[in-house]
Amino acid sequence: MDITDLYAAHRLQLVRMAVLLVDDFGAAEDVVQDAFAALARRPDAVRDPSKTLAYLRVSVLNTARSALRRRRTARAYAPPDDVAPPGPEDAAVLAEEHREVIVALHTLAPRQREVLVLRYWSNLSEAEIARTLEISTGTVKSTASRALVALEKAMSGTTAGKEER
């Protein structure tokens, strides 16, 4: 499968994954474009064609991490009032019933968020997640377990706040 076919078949799935990691549709598209551009520059980077999608997932994950590091550094120098509010394209990507989950997801530690996104959004197995994140399967299991507990606590805090209003 050439890169054009890969892009057509998997771009949307990878953008959705990246949106959950970087919480910004434009940045997510950039992350995926960078992953495909890197693969186009080095087509021999993946020796086994059946592993190309896994390579792209790892590339998207690593590029998302870099984007978050850059964002964190930039925010350290800019006052909080300078941060632009979410644009209309962000609202179009995420359905209203998922907003609370997304907000709670971003309260988790980065590794916990990555494990949950790869597991429940990208439907990867524990073994695939372990290979993607370069951690053991046991670490994936324990991280997922702790992340779900933390997500539940964050969600109960969100819904409790609504009930008080």
N, C-alpha and C. Protein backbone atom coordinates (compact mmCIF):
# COMPACT_ATOMS: atom_id res chain seq x y z
N MET A 1 0.85 -1.18 0.00
CA MET A 1 0.00 0.00 0.00
C MET A 1 0.90 1.24 0.00
N ASP A 2 0.65 2.15 -0.94
CA ASP A 2 1.48 3.36 -0.98
C ASP A 2 0.96 4.39 0.03
N ILE A 3 1.73 5.45 0.20
CA ILE A 3 1.43 6.42 1.25
C ILE A 3 0.11 7.14 1.01
N THR A 4 -0.27 7.35 -0.24
CA THR A 4 -1.54 8.00 -0.55
C THR A 4 -2.71 7.14 -0.08
N ASP A 5 -2.63 5.83 -0.33
CA ASP A 5 -3.68 4.93 0.12
C ASP A 5 -3.72 4.86 1.65
N LEU A 6 -2.55 4.83 2.28
CA LEU A 6 -2.49 4.82 3.74
C LEU A 6 -3.14 6.07 4.31
N TYR A 7 -2.83 7.20 3.70
CA TYR A 7 -3.38 8.47 4.16
C TYR A 7 -4.90 8.47 4.05
N ALA A 8 -5.40 8.04 2.91
CA ALA A 8 -6.85 8.01 2.70
C ALA A 8 -7.54 7.05 3.67
N ALA A 9 -6.91 5.93 3.95
CA ALA A 9 -7.53 4.91 4.79
C ALA A 9 -7.44 5.21 6.29
N HIS A 10 -6.38 5.88 6.74
CA HIS A 10 -6.14 5.97 8.17
C HIS A 10 -6.03 7.39 8.74
N ARG A 11 -6.07 8.41 7.91
CA ARG A 11 -5.89 9.77 8.39
C ARG A 11 -6.92 10.14 9.45
N LEU A 12 -8.19 9.89 9.18
CA LEU A 12 -9.23 10.30 10.12
C LEU A 12 -9.07 9.61 11.47
N GLN A 13 -8.80 8.34 11.45
CA GLN A 13 -8.58 7.58 12.69
C GLN A 13 -7.41 8.17 13.49
N LEU A 14 -6.34 8.50 12.80
CA LEU A 14 -5.16 9.05 13.48
C LEU A 14 -5.42 10.47 13.98
N VAL A 15 -6.19 11.26 13.23
CA VAL A 15 -6.53 12.61 13.68
C VAL A 15 -7.38 12.54 14.94
N ARG A 16 -8.34 11.62 14.97
CA ARG A 16 -9.18 11.46 16.16
C ARG A 16 -8.33 11.09 17.38
N MET A 17 -7.39 10.18 17.18
CA MET A 17 -6.51 9.81 18.28
C MET A 17 -5.69 11.02 18.74
N ALA A 18 -5.17 11.77 17.79
CA ALA A 18 -4.34 12.93 18.13
C ALA A 18 -5.16 14.02 18.82
N VAL A 19 -6.42 14.21 18.44
CA VAL A 19 -7.27 15.21 19.09
C VAL A 19 -7.39 14.90 20.57
N LEU A 20 -7.54 13.63 20.90
CA LEU A 20 -7.67 13.26 22.31
C LEU A 20 -6.36 13.46 23.07
N LEU A 21 -5.25 13.40 22.37
CA LEU A 21 -3.96 13.58 23.03
C LEU A 21 -3.58 15.05 23.17
N VAL A 22 -3.86 15.87 22.16
CA VAL A 22 -3.43 17.27 22.20
C VAL A 22 -4.57 18.25 22.44
N ASP A 23 -5.83 17.78 22.39
CA ASP A 23 -7.00 18.59 22.71
C ASP A 23 -7.15 19.82 21.82
N ASP A 24 -6.75 19.70 20.56
CA ASP A 24 -6.89 20.82 19.63
C ASP A 24 -6.92 20.22 18.22
N PHE A 25 -8.01 20.50 17.49
CA PHE A 25 -8.18 19.89 16.18
C PHE A 25 -7.07 20.30 15.19
N GLY A 26 -6.74 21.57 15.16
CA GLY A 26 -5.69 22.03 14.24
C GLY A 26 -4.35 21.40 14.56
N ALA A 27 -4.01 21.36 15.84
CA ALA A 27 -2.74 20.73 16.24
C ALA A 27 -2.76 19.25 15.93
N ALA A 28 -3.91 18.61 16.11
CA ALA A 28 -4.02 17.17 15.82
C ALA A 28 -3.78 16.90 14.33
N GLU A 29 -4.36 17.73 13.48
CA GLU A 29 -4.13 17.57 12.04
C GLU A 29 -2.64 17.76 11.71
N ASP A 30 -2.01 18.75 12.34
CA ASP A 30 -0.58 18.98 12.12
C ASP A 30 0.24 17.77 12.56
N VAL A 31 -0.12 17.20 13.69
CA VAL A 31 0.60 16.03 14.22
C VAL A 31 0.52 14.88 13.21
N VAL A 32 -0.66 14.63 12.69
CA VAL A 32 -0.83 13.53 11.73
C VAL A 32 -0.10 13.83 10.43
N GLN A 33 -0.18 15.08 9.96
CA GLN A 33 0.54 15.46 8.74
C GLN A 33 2.04 15.24 8.92
N ASP A 34 2.55 15.63 10.08
CA ASP A 34 3.98 15.43 10.35
C ASP A 34 4.36 13.96 10.33
N ALA A 35 3.50 13.11 10.87
CA ALA A 35 3.78 11.67 10.88
C ALA A 35 3.83 11.12 9.45
N PHE A 36 2.87 11.52 8.63
CA PHE A 36 2.87 11.05 7.24
C PHE A 36 4.04 11.65 6.45
N ALA A 37 4.38 12.90 6.73
CA ALA A 37 5.52 13.53 6.05
C ALA A 37 6.82 12.82 6.40
N ALA A 38 6.96 12.44 7.67
CA ALA A 38 8.16 11.72 8.09
C ALA A 38 8.25 10.38 7.37
N LEU A 39 7.12 9.71 7.23
CA LEU A 39 7.11 8.42 6.52
C LEU A 39 7.42 8.62 5.04
N ALA A 40 6.92 9.71 4.46
CA ALA A 40 7.19 9.98 3.04
C ALA A 40 8.67 10.28 2.81
N ARG A 41 9.30 10.98 3.78
CA ARG A 41 10.72 11.30 3.64
C ARG A 41 11.59 10.05 3.76
N ARG A 42 11.12 9.09 4.56
CA ARG A 42 11.90 7.87 4.81
C ARG A 42 11.03 6.64 4.57
N PRO A 43 10.70 6.34 3.32
CA PRO A 43 9.82 5.20 3.05
C PRO A 43 10.44 3.86 3.48
N ASP A 44 11.75 3.82 3.62
CA ASP A 44 12.42 2.58 4.04
C ASP A 44 12.46 2.43 5.56
N ALA A 45 11.83 3.35 6.31
CA ALA A 45 11.83 3.30 7.78
C ALA A 45 11.07 2.08 8.29
N VAL A 46 10.10 1.62 7.52
CA VAL A 46 9.32 0.45 7.91
C VAL A 46 9.66 -0.67 6.94
N ARG A 47 10.34 -1.66 7.45
CA ARG A 47 10.75 -2.77 6.58
C ARG A 47 9.60 -3.72 6.28
N ASP A 48 8.73 -3.94 7.26
CA ASP A 48 7.59 -4.83 7.11
C ASP A 48 6.34 -3.98 6.84
N PRO A 49 5.80 -4.03 5.62
CA PRO A 49 4.64 -3.19 5.28
C PRO A 49 3.44 -3.40 6.21
N SER A 50 3.32 -4.56 6.82
CA SER A 50 2.19 -4.81 7.71
C SER A 50 2.30 -4.01 9.00
N LYS A 51 3.47 -3.44 9.27
CA LYS A 51 3.68 -2.68 10.50
C LYS A 51 3.64 -1.16 10.27
N THR A 52 3.24 -0.75 9.08
CA THR A 52 3.23 0.67 8.75
C THR A 52 2.25 1.45 9.61
N LEU A 53 1.05 0.91 9.83
CA LEU A 53 0.07 1.61 10.66
C LEU A 53 0.57 1.73 12.10
N ALA A 54 1.19 0.70 12.62
CA ALA A 54 1.76 0.77 13.97
C ALA A 54 2.85 1.83 14.03
N TYR A 55 3.66 1.91 12.98
CA TYR A 55 4.71 2.94 12.89
C TYR A 55 4.07 4.33 12.92
N LEU A 56 2.99 4.51 12.17
CA LEU A 56 2.32 5.81 12.13
C LEU A 56 1.72 6.16 13.50
N ARG A 57 1.14 5.17 14.19
CA ARG A 57 0.59 5.43 15.53
C ARG A 57 1.68 5.91 16.48
N VAL A 58 2.81 5.24 16.46
CA VAL A 58 3.93 5.63 17.33
C VAL A 58 4.40 7.03 16.95
N SER A 59 4.48 7.30 15.66
CA SER A 59 4.90 8.61 15.20
C SER A 59 3.92 9.70 15.65
N VAL A 60 2.62 9.43 15.54
CA VAL A 60 1.60 10.39 15.99
C VAL A 60 1.73 10.60 17.49
N LEU A 61 1.89 9.53 18.24
CA LEU A 61 2.03 9.64 19.70
C LEU A 61 3.25 10.48 20.07
N ASN A 62 4.39 10.20 19.46
CA ASN A 62 5.61 10.95 19.76
C ASN A 62 5.50 12.40 19.34
N THR A 63 4.89 12.65 18.19
CA THR A 63 4.73 14.03 17.72
C THR A 63 3.75 14.78 18.62
N ALA A 64 2.71 14.10 19.10
CA ALA A 64 1.77 14.72 20.04
C ALA A 64 2.48 15.09 21.34
N ARG A 65 3.32 14.20 21.82
CA ARG A 65 4.10 14.50 23.04
C ARG A 65 4.96 15.75 22.82
N SER A 66 5.60 15.83 21.68
CA SER A 66 6.44 17.00 21.37
C SER A 66 5.59 18.26 21.30
N ALA A 67 4.42 18.16 20.70
CA ALA A 67 3.53 19.33 20.60
C ALA A 67 3.11 19.78 21.99
N LEU A 68 2.81 18.83 22.86
CA LEU A 68 2.42 19.20 24.23
C LEU A 68 3.57 19.84 24.98
N ARG A 69 4.79 19.34 24.76
CA ARG A 69 5.97 19.97 25.41
C ARG A 69 6.14 21.40 24.91
N ARG A 70 6.02 21.59 23.60
CA ARG A 70 6.15 22.94 23.05
C ARG A 70 5.05 23.86 23.59
N ARG A 71 3.84 23.33 23.66
CA ARG A 71 2.72 24.12 24.18
C ARG A 71 2.96 24.50 25.64
N ARG A 72 3.44 23.55 26.44
CA ARG A 72 3.70 23.81 27.86
C ARG A 72 4.78 24.89 28.00
N THR A 73 5.81 24.82 27.18
CA THR A 73 6.87 25.82 27.21
C THR A 73 6.34 27.19 26.80
N ALA A 74 5.53 27.22 25.75
CA ALA A 74 4.97 28.48 25.28
C ALA A 74 4.05 29.10 26.33
N ARG A 75 3.25 28.28 26.98
CA ARG A 75 2.34 28.80 28.00
C ARG A 75 3.08 29.34 29.21
N ALA A 76 4.27 28.84 29.47
CA ALA A 76 5.04 29.33 30.60
C ALA A 76 5.44 30.79 30.39
N TYR A 77 5.53 31.21 29.14
CA TYR A 77 5.94 32.57 28.83
C TYR A 77 4.77 33.50 28.50
N ALA A 78 3.60 32.96 28.32
CA ALA A 78 2.45 33.78 27.97
C ALA A 78 1.46 33.80 29.13
N PRO A 79 0.87 34.97 29.41
CA PRO A 79 -0.13 35.02 30.48
C PRO A 79 -1.36 34.18 30.09
N PRO A 80 -2.06 33.60 31.06
CA PRO A 80 -3.21 32.74 30.76
C PRO A 80 -4.29 33.43 29.95
N ASP A 81 -4.43 34.75 30.07
CA ASP A 81 -5.46 35.47 29.32
C ASP A 81 -5.20 35.47 27.83
N ASP A 82 -3.96 35.20 27.41
CA ASP A 82 -3.62 35.20 25.98
C ASP A 82 -4.05 33.93 25.26
N VAL A 83 -4.45 32.91 25.99
CA VAL A 83 -4.84 31.65 25.37
C VAL A 83 -6.19 31.85 24.67
N ALA A 84 -6.22 31.55 23.39
CA ALA A 84 -7.44 31.73 22.61
C ALA A 84 -8.49 30.69 23.02
N PRO A 85 -9.77 31.09 23.02
CA PRO A 85 -10.82 30.12 23.34
C PRO A 85 -10.94 29.10 22.21
N PRO A 86 -11.50 27.94 22.52
CA PRO A 86 -11.66 26.92 21.47
C PRO A 86 -12.47 27.47 20.30
N GLY A 87 -12.07 27.12 19.11
CA GLY A 87 -12.75 27.58 17.91
C GLY A 87 -13.94 26.70 17.56
N PRO A 88 -14.72 27.11 16.58
CA PRO A 88 -15.91 26.34 16.20
C PRO A 88 -15.57 24.96 15.66
N GLU A 89 -14.40 24.80 15.06
CA GLU A 89 -14.03 23.46 14.55
C GLU A 89 -13.82 22.47 15.68
N ASP A 90 -13.38 22.96 16.86
CA ASP A 90 -13.23 22.08 18.01
C ASP A 90 -14.60 21.55 18.44
N ALA A 91 -15.59 22.43 18.44
CA ALA A 91 -16.94 22.04 18.84
C ALA A 91 -17.53 21.03 17.86
N ALA A 92 -17.19 21.17 16.59
CA ALA A 92 -17.73 20.25 15.59
C ALA A 92 -17.14 18.86 15.71
N VAL A 93 -15.90 18.76 16.14
CA VAL A 93 -15.24 17.46 16.23
C VAL A 93 -15.76 16.65 17.41
N LEU A 94 -15.94 17.29 18.54
CA LEU A 94 -16.33 16.58 19.75
C LEU A 94 -17.81 16.79 20.04
N ALA A 95 -18.57 15.70 20.09
CA ALA A 95 -19.99 15.80 20.37
C ALA A 95 -20.20 16.24 21.82
N GLU A 96 -21.32 16.88 22.06
CA GLU A 96 -21.59 17.46 23.38
C GLU A 96 -21.53 16.41 24.49
N GLU A 97 -22.05 15.22 24.24
CA GLU A 97 -22.06 14.21 25.30
C GLU A 97 -20.67 13.71 25.67
N HIS A 98 -19.67 14.00 24.85
CA HIS A 98 -18.31 13.57 25.14
C HIS A 98 -17.46 14.64 25.81
N ARG A 99 -17.96 15.84 25.90
CA ARG A 99 -17.16 16.95 26.44
C ARG A 99 -16.70 16.70 27.87
N GLU A 100 -17.58 16.21 28.71
CA GLU A 100 -17.19 15.97 30.10
C GLU A 100 -16.10 14.91 30.20
N VAL A 101 -16.20 13.90 29.36
CA VAL A 101 -15.18 12.85 29.35
C VAL A 101 -13.85 13.43 28.90
N ILE A 102 -13.88 14.27 27.88
CA ILE A 102 -12.65 14.86 27.37
C ILE A 102 -12.02 15.76 28.43
N VAL A 103 -12.84 16.56 29.11
CA VAL A 103 -12.33 17.43 30.17
C VAL A 103 -11.69 16.58 31.26
N ALA A 104 -12.39 15.53 31.68
CA ALA A 104 -11.86 14.65 32.73
C ALA A 104 -10.60 13.93 32.24
N LEU A 105 -10.58 13.55 30.97
CA LEU A 105 -9.42 12.86 30.41
C LEU A 105 -8.16 13.72 30.51
N HIS A 106 -8.31 15.01 30.35
CA HIS A 106 -7.16 15.91 30.40
C HIS A 106 -6.72 16.26 31.82
N THR A 107 -7.43 15.72 32.82
CA THR A 107 -6.95 15.88 34.20
C THR A 107 -5.99 14.75 34.57
N LEU A 108 -5.94 13.71 33.75
CA LEU A 108 -5.08 12.56 34.03
C LEU A 108 -3.62 12.88 33.71
N ALA A 109 -2.75 12.08 34.26
CA ALA A 109 -1.32 12.16 33.92
C ALA A 109 -1.17 11.79 32.44
N PRO A 110 -0.16 12.33 31.77
CA PRO A 110 0.01 12.04 30.33
C PRO A 110 0.04 10.55 30.00
N ARG A 111 0.78 9.75 30.76
CA ARG A 111 0.87 8.32 30.46
C ARG A 111 -0.50 7.65 30.61
N GLN A 112 -1.25 8.04 31.65
CA GLN A 112 -2.59 7.47 31.85
C GLN A 112 -3.49 7.83 30.68
N ARG A 113 -3.43 9.10 30.26
CA ARG A 113 -4.25 9.55 29.13
C ARG A 113 -3.87 8.78 27.87
N GLU A 114 -2.58 8.61 27.63
CA GLU A 114 -2.14 7.89 26.43
C GLU A 114 -2.65 6.46 26.43
N VAL A 115 -2.56 5.77 27.57
CA VAL A 115 -3.01 4.37 27.64
C VAL A 115 -4.50 4.29 27.37
N LEU A 116 -5.30 5.17 27.99
CA LEU A 116 -6.74 5.12 27.77
C LEU A 116 -7.12 5.46 26.33
N VAL A 117 -6.47 6.45 25.75
CA VAL A 117 -6.76 6.81 24.36
C VAL A 117 -6.42 5.66 23.42
N LEU A 118 -5.26 5.06 23.62
CA LEU A 118 -4.87 3.94 22.74
C LEU A 118 -5.78 2.73 22.95
N ARG A 119 -6.22 2.50 24.18
CA ARG A 119 -7.04 1.33 24.48
C ARG A 119 -8.48 1.52 24.02
N TYR A 120 -9.11 2.60 24.44
CA TYR A 120 -10.55 2.74 24.22
C TYR A 120 -10.91 3.55 22.99
N TRP A 121 -10.02 4.37 22.50
CA TRP A 121 -10.32 5.12 21.29
C TRP A 121 -9.75 4.42 20.06
N SER A 122 -8.50 3.98 20.16
CA SER A 122 -7.86 3.33 19.02
C SER A 122 -8.05 1.82 19.03
N ASN A 123 -8.68 1.29 20.09
CA ASN A 123 -8.97 -0.15 20.20
C ASN A 123 -7.74 -1.03 20.06
N LEU A 124 -6.63 -0.58 20.65
CA LEU A 124 -5.42 -1.40 20.61
C LEU A 124 -5.44 -2.39 21.77
N SER A 125 -4.83 -3.53 21.56
CA SER A 125 -4.70 -4.51 22.64
C SER A 125 -3.64 -4.03 23.62
N GLU A 126 -3.59 -4.68 24.78
CA GLU A 126 -2.58 -4.31 25.77
C GLU A 126 -1.18 -4.51 25.21
N ALA A 127 -0.99 -5.57 24.43
CA ALA A 127 0.33 -5.83 23.84
C ALA A 127 0.70 -4.74 22.84
N GLU A 128 -0.27 -4.30 22.03
CA GLU A 128 0.01 -3.23 21.05
C GLU A 128 0.32 -1.91 21.76
N ILE A 129 -0.41 -1.63 22.83
CA ILE A 129 -0.15 -0.42 23.60
C ILE A 129 1.25 -0.48 24.20
N ALA A 130 1.61 -1.64 24.74
CA ALA A 130 2.93 -1.81 25.35
C ALA A 130 4.03 -1.55 24.32
N ARG A 131 3.85 -2.08 23.10
CA ARG A 131 4.85 -1.85 22.05
C ARG A 131 4.88 -0.37 21.65
N THR A 132 3.72 0.24 21.53
CA THR A 132 3.64 1.64 21.11
C THR A 132 4.31 2.56 22.12
N LEU A 133 4.04 2.33 23.41
CA LEU A 133 4.59 3.20 24.45
C LEU A 133 5.94 2.72 24.98
N GLU A 134 6.37 1.57 24.50
CA GLU A 134 7.64 0.97 24.93
C GLU A 134 7.67 0.74 26.44
N ILE A 135 6.59 0.11 26.94
CA ILE A 135 6.48 -0.28 28.34
C ILE A 135 6.00 -1.73 28.38
N SER A 136 6.02 -2.33 29.56
CA SER A 136 5.58 -3.72 29.68
C SER A 136 4.05 -3.80 29.66
N THR A 137 3.55 -5.00 29.35
CA THR A 137 2.10 -5.22 29.35
C THR A 137 1.54 -5.02 30.74
N GLY A 138 2.28 -5.45 31.76
CA GLY A 138 1.84 -5.25 33.14
C GLY A 138 1.69 -3.78 33.48
N THR A 139 2.60 -2.96 32.99
CA THR A 139 2.52 -1.52 33.23
C THR A 139 1.30 -0.94 32.53
N VAL A 140 0.98 -1.46 31.34
CA VAL A 140 -0.22 -1.01 30.63
C VAL A 140 -1.45 -1.32 31.47
N LYS A 141 -1.52 -2.55 32.00
CA LYS A 141 -2.68 -2.96 32.79
C LYS A 141 -2.83 -2.11 34.05
N SER A 142 -1.75 -1.92 34.78
CA SER A 142 -1.84 -1.15 36.03
C SER A 142 -2.13 0.32 35.75
N THR A 143 -1.52 0.86 34.69
CA THR A 143 -1.76 2.26 34.33
C THR A 143 -3.22 2.46 33.92
N ALA A 144 -3.75 1.53 33.14
CA ALA A 144 -5.15 1.63 32.71
C ALA A 144 -6.08 1.55 33.91
N SER A 145 -5.80 0.65 34.82
CA SER A 145 -6.64 0.50 36.01
C SER A 145 -6.65 1.78 36.84
N ARG A 146 -5.47 2.31 37.10
CA ARG A 146 -5.38 3.56 37.88
C ARG A 146 -6.01 4.73 37.13
N ALA A 147 -5.84 4.75 35.82
CA ALA A 147 -6.40 5.84 35.02
C ALA A 147 -7.92 5.81 35.05
N LEU A 148 -8.51 4.63 34.98
CA LEU A 148 -9.97 4.54 35.02
C LEU A 148 -10.52 4.99 36.36
N VAL A 149 -9.83 4.65 37.45
CA VAL A 149 -10.25 5.12 38.78
C VAL A 149 -10.17 6.64 38.84
N ALA A 150 -9.06 7.20 38.36
CA ALA A 150 -8.88 8.65 38.37
C ALA A 150 -9.91 9.33 37.47
N LEU A 151 -10.21 8.73 36.33
CA LEU A 151 -11.20 9.29 35.41
C LEU A 151 -12.59 9.28 36.05
N GLU A 152 -12.91 8.20 36.74
CA GLU A 152 -14.20 8.12 37.43
C GLU A 152 -14.31 9.20 38.50
N LYS A 153 -13.24 9.40 39.27
CA LYS A 153 -13.24 10.45 40.29
C LYS A 153 -13.41 11.83 39.65
N ALA A 154 -12.71 12.07 38.55
CA ALA A 154 -12.82 13.36 37.86
C ALA A 154 -14.23 13.56 37.32
N MET A 155 -14.82 12.49 36.80
CA MET A 155 -16.17 12.58 36.25
C MET A 155 -17.19 12.81 37.36
N SER A 156 -17.02 12.18 38.50
CA SER A 156 -17.98 12.39 39.59
C SER A 156 -17.85 13.82 40.12
N GLY A 157 -16.66 14.36 40.09
CA GLY A 157 -16.47 15.76 40.48
C GLY A 157 -17.13 16.71 39.51
N THR A 158 -17.11 16.37 38.23
CA THR A 158 -17.73 17.19 37.20
C THR A 158 -19.24 17.17 37.32
N THR A 159 -19.82 15.99 37.50
CA THR A 159 -21.27 15.89 37.60
C THR A 159 -21.77 16.45 38.92
N ALA A 160 -20.98 16.34 40.00
CA ALA A 160 -21.39 16.89 41.29
C ALA A 160 -21.47 18.41 41.20
N GLY A 161 -20.53 19.00 40.48
CA GLY A 161 -20.53 20.45 40.29
C GLY A 161 -21.77 20.93 39.55
N LYS A 162 -22.28 20.14 38.61
CA LYS A 162 -23.48 20.50 37.87
C LYS A 162 -24.72 20.40 38.75
N GLU A 163 -24.76 19.39 39.63
CA GLU A 163 -25.92 19.19 40.47
C GLU A 163 -26.07 20.31 41.48
N GLU A 164 -24.97 20.92 41.89
CA GLU A 164 -25.01 21.98 42.88
C GLU A 164 -25.56 23.28 42.30
N ARG A 165 -25.49 23.43 41.00
CA ARG A 165 -25.92 24.69 40.37
C ARG A 165 -27.39 24.89 40.40
